Amino acid sequence: MASWKKVIVSGSTPELANLKIDGLASGEVVIGAGSGSNLTTTAVNGSGNIVATTAATGLSHSGSFSGSFQGDGSALTGVVATNLDIDTFGSDLTAATLATTDKMILSDGGTEGRVTVGQLATPLAGTGLEANSSTIRIAAAAAGAGLTGGAGSALAVGAGTGITVNADDVQISDGGVTATQLATSVAGDGLAGGGGTALSVNVDDSSIEINTDTLRVKASGITNDMLAGSIANAKLSNSSVTVGSTEISLGGTSTTLSGLTNVVGTKFSGSFSGSFEGDGANLTGIATTLTIDGDSGGTSTVNLKTQTLDIAGTAGEIETSVSGQTITVGLPTNVTVAGNLTVDGNTVIDGDLTVGGRMVSASSLEVADQFIIMASGSTSAIDGGIIVNQSDAANGQGAGLGYDASADRWALQSDIAGNATTITPDAYVGIIEQAASNPSSDPVYGGTNGLGTLHVNSSTGDVYIYS
C-alpha cells in the first residue's frame, strides 16, 4: 500500500531504520554534533578522512590535519615550530588604534623579544623631528624663515607689512598694494600710469571723452565714416512700404498681397482664393469633366455642369449617406458577407464570436483571458487538454497534455489523435504539495493513485514522496 516516505536531502534530519556503508575507498564521512559516548565505530580504512565535530573524544588520527583545536592545544606533542609566517598569523588590524604601550615582536641582532610602540620614537625621528615622551613631534629647528613654532607648538606663518595671517589662510592686507607697487608694465593699450602714478584711460576727446569718473561717447562723436554694415529697419523713421493693405519691410518680400481693388494689365499664375469680378466667362483652363474608375466596369466620365455623381453601396455590406457637402461611406448595423472574408489587419470583436465549423487555424494565438475553459459543454467529469500536432493527418495527431478524469491527475500522451475523447497516459505530471506540516493524507491529485507526488514541509524543509 502506498504511503508517504521521507526523502533525505542536504540539511534534513534522516529517519533510517539502519545504515550500511560498504567499500569506502575515498571521500569523507562526517559525524556531526553529539556525545562521543553515543558513537560506536569499527575501523574504516582507505584514503578518506573521518572527522568528528563538537565533543568527540578518543579520536586517533595520523597524517596531516586541518581545522581548529578545542582548547589551547597544550596537550599536543611532537609539534616543532621552525619559523613564523607573519602573513598567516592572525589577521590585518586595519581598524586598530595603536597606543605607545602596545607591544610588537622584534629581532635585535638575533635576539627576539617584545618592544613597545613608544620605543620606536627615537630611532624613527629624522631631520626636523624629535622624540618626546615616546612620541614623535616636529622640532623647533624645523620652523625656518617666516615660520614660528615646533617643539610642541603648531607651526605658524609670521605676519608682515601688507600681509595679514588669518585662521586658515594668508592674504594681502586691505590697502596693502599702492600705486608705488604697480609697475608701468601694468598699464596696457589704452591705459597710462603705474610706477607710482594712478592708472588712467587715454581718450581722443573727439569721439570718446571722460566726464568726471565716467567714460562716454562724445556728443556728435559718431560720424558716417564710423558706420559699417546695415542699419536695422527699426532704427529708421520709414522702414516699410504698403501695397494695398499689405505692409512689406524694406529689403523684405511677400508672396501674398491683400486689399488690392484694381490691378490693370497684369497676368497671374498659381492658385487663387477669393471671388471673381463678373461671371468668369473669360477664364480658361478650367476642367468641366470628371473621370472616374472602379475595380470593375472600366472608366467613365461625369459632366460637372450637367450630371450628378452617385456613390452607391451594396445591400447588407456597404451603405452611403449624404449630409450637406459630406458623403459618408460605412458598414450597416448588421453586416452580411456573402463570400469569404479575409482580414489582413487586426480584428476586434466586442461581442461573442460563434464559429460553426470544426477548426479555426491561426499562425499565432494570443488570449487575453487569464483562464481558458475547455470541455465547457460537458456536464460531468471528462478528459480534456491540448495537443501539439506532430503529423499531417486530417484530424491532427501529436503530443498531448491533458486531465485524466479517471485517475484525477494531469497526464502526458506521446501520440494522441486530434479528435480523441480520452487520454491514455504514457506518464503523469509531477505534483509538488506544500504545507507547514508533514503530510497526513493521500495526495490532493490522484488520491491513492497519486504515486510520485512530492510534499515539502515549509516549516522544516523536509521532503516526502508518495510511493
Protein backbone atom coordinates (compact mmCIF):
# COMPACT_ATOMS: atom_id res chain seq x y z
CA MET A 1 0.00 0.00 0.00
CA ALA A 2 1.35 3.40 -0.95
CA SER A 3 2.36 5.83 1.81
CA TRP A 4 4.45 8.96 2.38
CA LYS A 5 8.21 8.33 2.76
CA LYS A 6 10.79 10.93 3.80
CA VAL A 7 13.45 11.89 1.24
CA ILE A 8 16.98 12.50 2.59
CA VAL A 9 18.34 15.79 1.24
CA SER A 10 21.19 18.05 2.30
CA GLY A 11 20.35 19.73 5.61
CA SER A 12 17.48 17.40 6.53
CA THR A 13 17.26 15.09 9.54
CA PRO A 14 17.23 11.49 8.20
CA GLU A 15 14.98 8.84 9.71
CA LEU A 16 16.60 5.44 8.90
CA ALA A 17 15.96 2.02 10.33
CA ASN A 18 19.61 1.10 9.65
CA LEU A 19 22.55 2.34 7.59
CA LYS A 20 25.20 0.19 5.97
CA ILE A 21 28.18 1.69 4.11
CA ASP A 22 30.44 -0.72 2.26
CA GLY A 23 33.57 -0.28 0.18
CA LEU A 24 34.70 3.18 1.33
CA ALA A 25 37.83 3.93 -0.67
CA SER A 26 37.95 7.72 -0.68
CA GLY A 27 35.93 10.73 0.26
CA GLU A 28 34.81 11.89 3.69
CA VAL A 29 32.50 10.65 6.42
CA VAL A 30 31.44 13.49 8.74
CA ILE A 31 29.93 12.60 12.12
CA GLY A 32 28.10 15.68 13.41
CA ALA A 33 27.29 17.13 16.84
CA GLY A 34 26.73 14.71 19.68
CA SER A 35 28.44 12.92 22.50
CA GLY A 36 31.33 10.62 21.70
CA SER A 37 29.87 8.03 24.07
CA ASN A 38 26.89 7.65 21.72
CA LEU A 39 29.10 6.60 18.81
CA THR A 40 30.33 3.07 18.22
CA THR A 41 32.73 2.67 15.30
CA THR A 42 34.77 -0.01 13.61
CA ALA A 43 37.85 0.53 11.50
CA VAL A 44 37.38 2.45 8.29
CA ASN A 45 40.37 2.11 6.02
CA GLY A 46 41.21 3.93 2.85
CA SER A 47 42.37 7.33 1.68
CA GLY A 48 39.35 9.18 3.08
CA ASN A 49 39.02 11.08 6.35
CA ILE A 50 36.82 10.60 9.41
CA VAL A 51 36.16 13.96 11.07
CA ALA A 52 34.33 14.18 14.41
CA THR A 53 32.91 17.55 15.41
CA THR A 54 31.98 19.03 18.79
CA ALA A 55 32.69 16.98 21.96
CA ALA A 56 34.05 13.88 20.21
CA THR A 57 36.72 12.08 22.30
CA GLY A 58 39.07 9.15 21.84
CA LEU A 59 39.81 10.02 18.20
CA SER A 60 43.15 8.83 16.87
CA HIS A 61 44.47 10.30 13.65
CA SER A 62 47.73 10.23 11.71
CA GLY A 63 48.77 12.28 8.75
CA SER A 64 48.05 15.92 8.00
CA PHE A 65 45.44 17.90 9.91
CA SER A 66 43.31 20.94 9.04
CA GLY A 67 40.70 22.74 11.10
CA SER A 68 40.62 24.29 14.57
CA PHE A 69 41.52 22.91 18.05
CA GLN A 70 39.34 22.54 21.09
CA GLY A 71 41.18 24.29 23.95
CA ASP A 72 44.66 25.84 23.85
CA GLY A 73 46.43 22.85 22.24
CA SER A 74 48.62 22.30 25.35
CA ALA A 75 48.13 18.53 25.10
CA LEU A 76 49.64 18.34 21.62
CA THR A 77 53.01 16.59 21.39
CA GLY A 78 55.60 16.31 18.67
CA VAL A 79 54.94 19.83 17.36
CA VAL A 80 58.15 21.57 16.21
CA ALA A 81 57.96 25.21 15.06
CA THR A 82 60.81 26.19 12.70
CA ASN A 83 59.60 29.61 11.58
CA LEU A 84 56.75 32.12 11.89
CA ASP A 85 54.83 33.20 8.77
CA ILE A 86 53.51 36.66 9.66
CA ASP A 87 51.10 36.58 6.64
CA THR A 88 49.23 33.63 8.14
CA PHE A 89 49.44 34.78 11.77
CA GLY A 90 46.16 36.33 12.88
CA SER A 91 44.55 38.98 10.63
CA ASP A 92 45.39 42.51 9.49
CA LEU A 93 44.34 45.03 12.19
CA THR A 94 43.10 47.60 9.68
CA ALA A 95 40.81 49.31 12.21
CA ALA A 96 43.13 49.12 15.26
CA THR A 97 44.20 52.25 17.18
CA LEU A 98 47.85 51.90 18.25
CA ALA A 99 48.98 53.17 21.68
CA THR A 100 52.56 53.82 22.83
CA THR A 101 52.23 50.92 25.28
CA ASP A 102 51.16 48.39 22.59
CA LYS A 103 53.74 45.66 22.08
CA MET A 104 55.41 44.29 18.94
CA ILE A 105 57.74 41.39 18.10
CA LEU A 106 61.32 42.48 17.34
CA SER A 107 64.55 40.70 16.45
CA ASP A 108 67.58 42.60 17.83
CA GLY A 109 70.62 41.11 16.11
CA GLY A 110 69.30 37.57 16.58
CA THR A 111 67.72 38.20 19.97
CA GLU A 112 63.94 38.07 19.72
CA GLY A 113 61.66 39.78 22.18
CA ARG A 114 58.92 42.32 22.73
CA VAL A 115 59.12 46.12 22.49
CA THR A 116 56.51 48.85 22.85
CA VAL A 117 55.42 51.15 20.05
CA GLY A 118 56.77 54.09 22.08
CA GLN A 119 60.32 52.65 21.98
CA LEU A 120 60.37 53.20 18.19
CA ALA A 121 60.03 57.01 18.53
CA THR A 122 63.77 57.79 18.93
CA PRO A 123 65.13 55.66 16.03
CA LEU A 124 62.31 56.84 13.71
CA ALA A 125 62.71 60.60 14.41
CA GLY A 126 64.62 62.00 11.37
CA THR A 127 65.54 65.51 10.22
CA GLY A 128 63.15 68.13 11.58
CA LEU A 129 61.60 65.62 14.04
CA GLU A 130 62.36 64.74 17.66
CA ALA A 131 61.29 62.11 20.19
CA ASN A 132 59.33 63.33 23.19
CA SER A 133 57.70 61.04 25.81
CA SER A 134 57.68 58.04 23.45
CA THR A 135 56.07 60.07 20.61
CA ILE A 136 57.44 61.88 17.54
CA ARG A 137 56.87 65.61 17.06
CA ILE A 138 58.14 68.49 14.85
CA ALA A 139 61.33 70.01 16.26
CA ALA A 140 61.75 73.78 16.79
CA ALA A 141 64.55 73.74 14.23
CA ALA A 142 62.01 72.80 11.53
CA ALA A 143 60.48 76.33 11.68
CA GLY A 144 62.51 78.18 9.00
CA ALA A 145 62.37 81.79 7.82
CA GLY A 146 58.87 83.25 8.05
CA LEU A 147 57.67 80.42 10.36
CA THR A 148 57.45 80.02 14.14
CA GLY A 149 56.57 77.12 16.42
CA GLY A 150 57.65 73.49 16.68
CA ALA A 151 58.76 71.60 19.81
CA GLY A 152 55.15 71.04 20.83
CA SER A 153 53.66 74.16 19.27
CA ALA A 154 51.87 74.39 15.92
CA LEU A 155 53.82 75.92 13.01
CA ALA A 156 52.61 79.44 12.17
CA VAL A 157 53.30 81.95 9.37
CA GLY A 158 54.70 85.29 10.57
CA ALA A 159 52.73 88.40 9.51
CA GLY A 160 54.45 91.45 7.95
CA THR A 161 53.80 94.82 6.31
CA GLY A 162 50.90 94.46 3.86
CA ILE A 163 50.36 90.76 4.84
CA THR A 164 47.58 89.51 7.10
CA VAL A 165 47.55 85.96 8.57
CA ASN A 166 44.06 84.57 9.15
CA ALA A 167 42.91 81.33 10.80
CA ASP A 168 43.13 79.26 7.59
CA ASP A 169 44.85 81.45 5.01
CA VAL A 170 47.34 84.25 4.28
CA GLN A 171 46.17 87.32 2.33
CA ILE A 172 47.35 90.78 1.25
CA SER A 173 46.08 93.33 3.76
CA ASP A 174 43.38 95.77 2.72
CA GLY A 175 45.16 98.76 1.14
CA GLY A 176 48.38 96.77 1.13
CA VAL A 177 49.06 97.38 -2.59
CA THR A 178 49.66 101.06 -3.52
CA ALA A 179 50.37 102.85 -6.79
CA THR A 180 54.07 102.75 -5.94
CA GLN A 181 53.98 98.94 -6.02
CA LEU A 182 52.39 98.83 -9.52
CA ALA A 183 54.88 98.59 -12.39
CA THR A 184 54.45 100.72 -15.51
CA SER A 185 54.02 97.50 -17.48
CA VAL A 186 50.62 97.07 -15.79
CA ALA A 187 49.28 99.91 -17.98
CA GLY A 188 48.49 98.16 -21.28
CA ASP A 189 46.99 99.53 -24.52
CA GLY A 190 44.65 102.47 -23.85
CA LEU A 191 45.96 102.92 -20.28
CA ALA A 192 48.63 105.13 -18.71
CA GLY A 193 50.23 105.27 -15.24
CA GLY A 194 51.93 102.81 -12.95
CA GLY A 195 55.36 103.16 -11.33
CA GLY A 196 53.94 105.39 -8.58
CA THR A 197 51.21 107.01 -10.71
CA ALA A 198 47.48 106.09 -10.69
CA LEU A 199 46.19 104.22 -13.75
CA SER A 200 44.17 106.32 -16.26
CA VAL A 201 42.33 105.79 -19.60
CA ASN A 202 43.58 107.51 -22.79
CA VAL A 203 40.81 109.17 -24.92
CA ASP A 204 40.92 111.11 -28.22
CA ASP A 205 38.42 113.67 -26.83
CA SER A 206 36.73 113.86 -30.26
CA SER A 207 34.62 110.69 -30.26
CA ILE A 208 35.23 109.48 -26.64
CA GLU A 209 35.65 111.63 -23.53
CA ILE A 210 35.92 111.30 -19.75
CA ASN A 211 33.27 113.07 -17.73
CA THR A 212 34.32 113.13 -14.06
CA ASP A 213 34.70 109.36 -13.41
CA THR A 214 32.65 108.18 -16.45
CA LEU A 215 33.89 107.10 -19.90
CA ARG A 216 31.31 108.06 -22.57
CA VAL A 217 30.79 108.77 -26.32
CA LYS A 218 31.25 112.44 -27.01
CA ALA A 219 28.26 114.38 -28.35
CA SER A 220 28.23 114.13 -32.21
CA GLY A 221 31.22 111.89 -31.84
CA ILE A 222 29.95 109.20 -34.31
CA THR A 223 30.34 110.17 -37.97
CA ASN A 224 29.17 108.47 -41.20
CA ASP A 225 32.69 107.09 -41.73
CA MET A 226 32.33 105.14 -38.48
CA LEU A 227 29.15 103.31 -39.62
CA ALA A 228 29.64 99.92 -41.32
CA GLY A 229 27.28 97.11 -42.42
CA SER A 230 23.49 97.57 -42.30
CA ILE A 231 21.16 99.53 -40.02
CA ALA A 232 18.09 97.70 -38.64
CA ASN A 233 14.77 98.87 -40.07
CA ALA A 234 13.51 99.62 -36.55
CA LYS A 235 16.14 102.39 -36.35
CA LEU A 236 14.67 104.13 -39.44
CA SER A 237 11.75 106.57 -39.47
CA ASN A 238 10.26 104.87 -42.57
CA SER A 239 11.15 101.17 -42.51
CA SER A 240 8.48 99.63 -44.80
CA VAL A 241 6.19 100.17 -47.80
CA THR A 242 2.47 99.28 -48.03
CA VAL A 243 0.95 97.64 -51.14
CA GLY A 244 -2.83 97.56 -50.89
CA SER A 245 -3.21 96.69 -47.19
CA THR A 246 -0.06 94.52 -47.02
CA GLU A 247 2.96 96.09 -45.29
CA ILE A 248 6.38 94.91 -46.57
CA SER A 249 9.60 95.72 -44.68
CA LEU A 250 12.45 97.33 -46.62
CA GLY A 251 14.59 94.55 -48.05
CA GLY A 252 11.78 92.00 -47.47
CA THR A 253 9.39 90.11 -49.78
CA SER A 254 5.75 88.98 -49.64
CA THR A 255 4.03 86.23 -51.60
CA THR A 256 0.54 87.44 -50.62
CA LEU A 257 -0.99 90.87 -51.33
CA SER A 258 -4.24 91.88 -49.68
CA GLY A 259 -6.52 94.89 -50.13
CA LEU A 260 -5.94 95.36 -53.89
CA THR A 261 -9.06 96.85 -55.52
CA ASN A 262 -7.87 97.21 -59.10
CA VAL A 263 -4.99 95.56 -60.97
CA VAL A 264 -4.64 96.53 -64.65
CA GLY A 265 -2.61 94.89 -67.38
CA THR A 266 -1.24 92.10 -65.17
CA LYS A 267 -1.34 88.31 -65.60
CA PHE A 268 -1.16 85.96 -62.56
CA SER A 269 -0.25 82.25 -62.38
CA GLY A 270 -0.63 79.82 -59.48
CA SER A 271 -3.51 79.30 -57.06
CA PHE A 272 -6.32 81.80 -56.43
CA SER A 273 -8.64 82.40 -53.49
CA GLY A 274 -11.46 84.88 -53.15
CA SER A 275 -14.28 85.91 -55.51
CA PHE A 276 -14.27 86.90 -59.16
CA GLU A 277 -15.39 90.22 -60.57
CA GLY A 278 -18.03 89.22 -63.14
CA ASP A 279 -19.07 85.69 -64.14
CA GLY A 280 -15.61 84.35 -65.00
CA ALA A 281 -16.54 83.94 -68.66
CA ASN A 282 -13.06 84.92 -69.75
CA LEU A 283 -11.35 82.28 -67.54
CA THR A 284 -9.66 79.42 -69.44
CA GLY A 285 -8.09 76.11 -68.45
CA ILE A 286 -10.94 75.06 -66.08
CA ALA A 287 -11.88 71.31 -66.18
CA THR A 288 -15.58 70.56 -66.87
CA THR A 289 -15.37 66.72 -66.96
CA LEU A 290 -14.54 64.35 -64.08
CA THR A 291 -13.10 60.90 -64.97
CA ILE A 292 -13.96 58.06 -62.58
CA ASP A 293 -12.77 54.44 -62.37
CA GLY A 294 -13.61 51.35 -60.26
CA ASP A 295 -12.47 47.77 -59.62
CA SER A 296 -14.78 46.67 -62.45
CA GLY A 297 -16.73 48.32 -65.27
CA GLY A 298 -13.83 50.35 -66.70
CA THR A 299 -13.57 54.15 -66.66
CA SER A 300 -16.37 56.69 -67.16
CA THR A 301 -16.87 60.45 -67.04
CA VAL A 302 -19.19 62.91 -65.26
CA ASN A 303 -20.07 66.27 -66.80
CA LEU A 304 -19.56 68.69 -63.93
CA LYS A 305 -22.08 71.15 -65.36
CA THR A 306 -24.96 68.79 -66.20
CA GLN A 307 -24.52 65.42 -64.39
CA THR A 308 -24.52 64.20 -60.78
CA LEU A 309 -22.01 61.63 -59.44
CA ASP A 310 -23.84 58.89 -57.50
CA ILE A 311 -21.90 56.77 -54.94
CA ALA A 312 -23.98 53.62 -54.27
CA GLY A 313 -23.46 50.94 -51.60
CA THR A 314 -24.14 47.18 -51.54
CA ALA A 315 -27.12 45.92 -49.55
CA GLY A 316 -26.06 44.29 -46.29
CA GLU A 317 -22.39 45.17 -46.85
CA ILE A 318 -21.85 48.89 -47.59
CA GLU A 319 -24.18 51.88 -47.07
CA THR A 320 -23.81 55.56 -48.02
CA SER A 321 -25.41 58.77 -46.80
CA VAL A 322 -25.20 62.48 -47.67
CA SER A 323 -25.36 65.38 -45.23
CA GLY A 324 -24.65 68.83 -46.64
CA GLN A 325 -21.40 68.59 -48.57
CA THR A 326 -20.35 65.32 -46.85
CA ILE A 327 -20.70 61.78 -48.26
CA THR A 328 -20.37 59.08 -45.58
CA VAL A 329 -19.48 55.51 -46.65
CA GLY A 330 -19.70 52.85 -43.92
CA LEU A 331 -20.98 49.49 -42.77
CA PRO A 332 -24.64 48.85 -41.87
CA THR A 333 -25.62 47.91 -38.32
CA ASN A 334 -25.77 44.23 -39.28
CA VAL A 335 -23.24 43.16 -41.92
CA THR A 336 -23.75 40.09 -44.10
CA VAL A 337 -20.82 38.92 -46.24
CA ALA A 338 -21.95 36.54 -48.96
CA GLY A 339 -18.49 35.19 -49.87
CA ASN A 340 -15.25 34.57 -47.97
CA LEU A 341 -13.91 37.33 -45.70
CA THR A 342 -10.16 37.99 -45.44
CA VAL A 343 -8.89 40.50 -42.87
CA ASP A 344 -5.19 41.38 -43.24
CA GLY A 345 -5.02 43.67 -40.19
CA ASN A 346 -6.13 43.25 -36.58
CA THR A 347 -9.77 42.47 -35.75
CA VAL A 348 -11.51 43.49 -32.52
CA ILE A 349 -14.84 41.80 -31.68
CA ASP A 350 -16.71 43.36 -28.75
CA GLY A 351 -19.46 40.73 -28.67
CA ASP A 352 -19.38 36.91 -28.68
CA LEU A 353 -17.75 35.01 -31.55
CA THR A 354 -19.55 31.86 -32.67
CA VAL A 355 -17.75 29.51 -35.09
CA GLY A 356 -19.98 26.95 -36.75
CA GLY A 357 -17.08 24.97 -38.24
CA ARG A 358 -14.90 22.38 -36.50
CA MET A 359 -11.46 24.04 -36.56
CA VAL A 360 -10.04 27.54 -36.61
CA SER A 361 -6.45 27.95 -37.81
CA ALA A 362 -4.16 30.74 -36.58
CA SER A 363 -0.42 31.20 -37.04
CA SER A 364 -0.14 32.88 -33.62
CA LEU A 365 -2.89 32.72 -30.99
CA GLU A 366 -2.99 35.21 -28.10
CA VAL A 367 -5.74 35.06 -25.47
CA ALA A 368 -6.06 37.98 -23.03
CA ASP A 369 -8.23 35.97 -20.57
CA GLN A 370 -6.31 34.62 -17.57
CA PHE A 371 -8.13 31.27 -17.67
CA ILE A 372 -9.43 29.16 -20.58
CA ILE A 373 -12.39 26.80 -20.10
CA MET A 374 -12.16 23.59 -22.12
CA ALA A 375 -14.90 20.97 -22.47
CA SER A 376 -17.39 23.67 -21.47
CA GLY A 377 -20.25 21.62 -22.95
CA SER A 378 -19.75 18.70 -20.55
CA THR A 379 -21.99 18.08 -17.53
CA SER A 380 -19.72 15.56 -15.75
CA ALA A 381 -16.00 14.84 -15.26
CA ILE A 382 -14.35 14.02 -18.61
CA ASP A 383 -10.86 14.05 -20.09
CA GLY A 384 -9.58 17.16 -21.85
CA GLY A 385 -6.40 19.03 -22.74
CA ILE A 386 -4.21 20.39 -25.52
CA ILE A 387 -2.43 18.63 -28.41
CA VAL A 388 0.71 19.80 -30.24
CA ASN A 389 0.34 18.48 -33.81
CA GLN A 390 3.19 16.22 -34.94
CA SER A 391 1.78 14.86 -38.24
CA ASP A 392 -0.14 15.86 -41.38
CA ALA A 393 -3.14 13.65 -40.54
CA ALA A 394 -6.55 15.12 -41.34
CA ASN A 395 -7.60 15.32 -37.68
CA GLY A 396 -4.13 16.22 -36.40
CA GLN A 397 -2.09 13.90 -34.21
CA GLY A 398 0.72 14.60 -31.75
CA ALA A 399 1.90 15.06 -28.15
CA GLY A 400 -0.87 15.76 -25.65
CA LEU A 401 -1.10 17.30 -22.17
CA GLY A 402 -4.45 16.59 -20.59
CA TYR A 403 -6.50 15.89 -17.48
CA ASP A 404 -7.21 12.18 -16.86
CA ALA A 405 -10.58 12.26 -15.08
CA SER A 406 -10.45 8.58 -14.10
CA ALA A 407 -7.12 9.00 -12.28
CA ASP A 408 -7.82 12.60 -11.19
CA ARG A 409 -4.34 13.59 -12.45
CA TRP A 410 -2.72 15.61 -15.23
CA ALA A 411 -1.08 13.28 -17.72
CA LEU A 412 1.00 13.11 -20.93
CA GLN A 413 0.38 11.00 -24.05
CA SER A 414 3.03 10.96 -26.80
CA ASP A 415 0.67 10.03 -29.67
CA ILE A 416 -2.95 11.18 -29.36
CA ALA A 417 -5.39 11.89 -32.18
CA GLY A 418 -6.81 15.37 -32.67
CA ASN A 419 -10.39 14.06 -32.35
CA ALA A 420 -9.70 11.87 -29.28
CA THR A 421 -12.20 11.98 -26.38
CA THR A 422 -9.97 10.34 -23.76
CA ILE A 423 -6.27 10.41 -22.90
CA THR A 424 -4.24 7.23 -22.38
CA PRO A 425 -1.32 8.36 -20.19
CA ASP A 426 2.29 7.50 -21.00
CA ALA A 427 3.32 9.43 -17.88
CA TYR A 428 1.83 11.68 -15.22
CA VAL A 429 2.79 15.28 -14.49
CA GLY A 430 4.84 15.63 -11.29
CA ILE A 431 2.94 17.33 -8.45
CA ILE A 432 4.59 19.19 -5.54
CA GLU A 433 2.44 19.90 -2.50
CA GLN A 434 3.49 22.37 0.19
CA ALA A 435 2.30 22.88 3.76
CA ALA A 436 3.68 23.95 7.13
CA SER A 437 3.35 20.37 8.41
CA ASN A 438 4.17 16.81 7.38
CA PRO A 439 1.70 15.02 5.03
CA SER A 440 -1.13 13.23 6.83
CA SER A 441 -3.49 12.24 3.99
CA ASP A 442 -3.39 10.98 0.42
CA PRO A 443 -2.26 13.42 -2.33
CA VAL A 444 -4.74 16.07 -3.47
CA TYR A 445 -4.37 14.97 -7.11
CA GLY A 446 -4.89 11.25 -7.67
CA GLY A 447 -5.53 10.26 -4.06
CA THR A 448 -4.27 6.69 -3.68
CA ASN A 449 -3.30 6.86 -7.38
CA GLY A 450 -1.02 9.87 -6.76
CA LEU A 451 2.23 7.87 -6.82
CA GLY A 452 5.34 10.05 -7.21
CA THR A 453 3.75 13.16 -5.61
CA LEU A 454 6.20 15.24 -3.54
CA HIS A 455 5.30 17.07 -0.31
CA VAL A 456 7.51 19.83 1.15
CA ASN A 457 7.17 20.87 4.79
CA SER A 458 7.71 24.65 4.53
CA SER A 459 8.49 24.89 8.27
CA THR A 460 11.29 22.29 8.41
CA GLY A 461 12.29 21.93 4.75
CA ASP A 462 11.72 18.15 4.92
CA VAL A 463 10.67 16.44 1.67
CA TYR A 464 8.35 13.40 1.36
CA ILE A 465 7.37 11.22 -1.65
CA TYR A 466 4.17 9.23 -2.01
CA SER A 467 5.08 5.69 -3.12
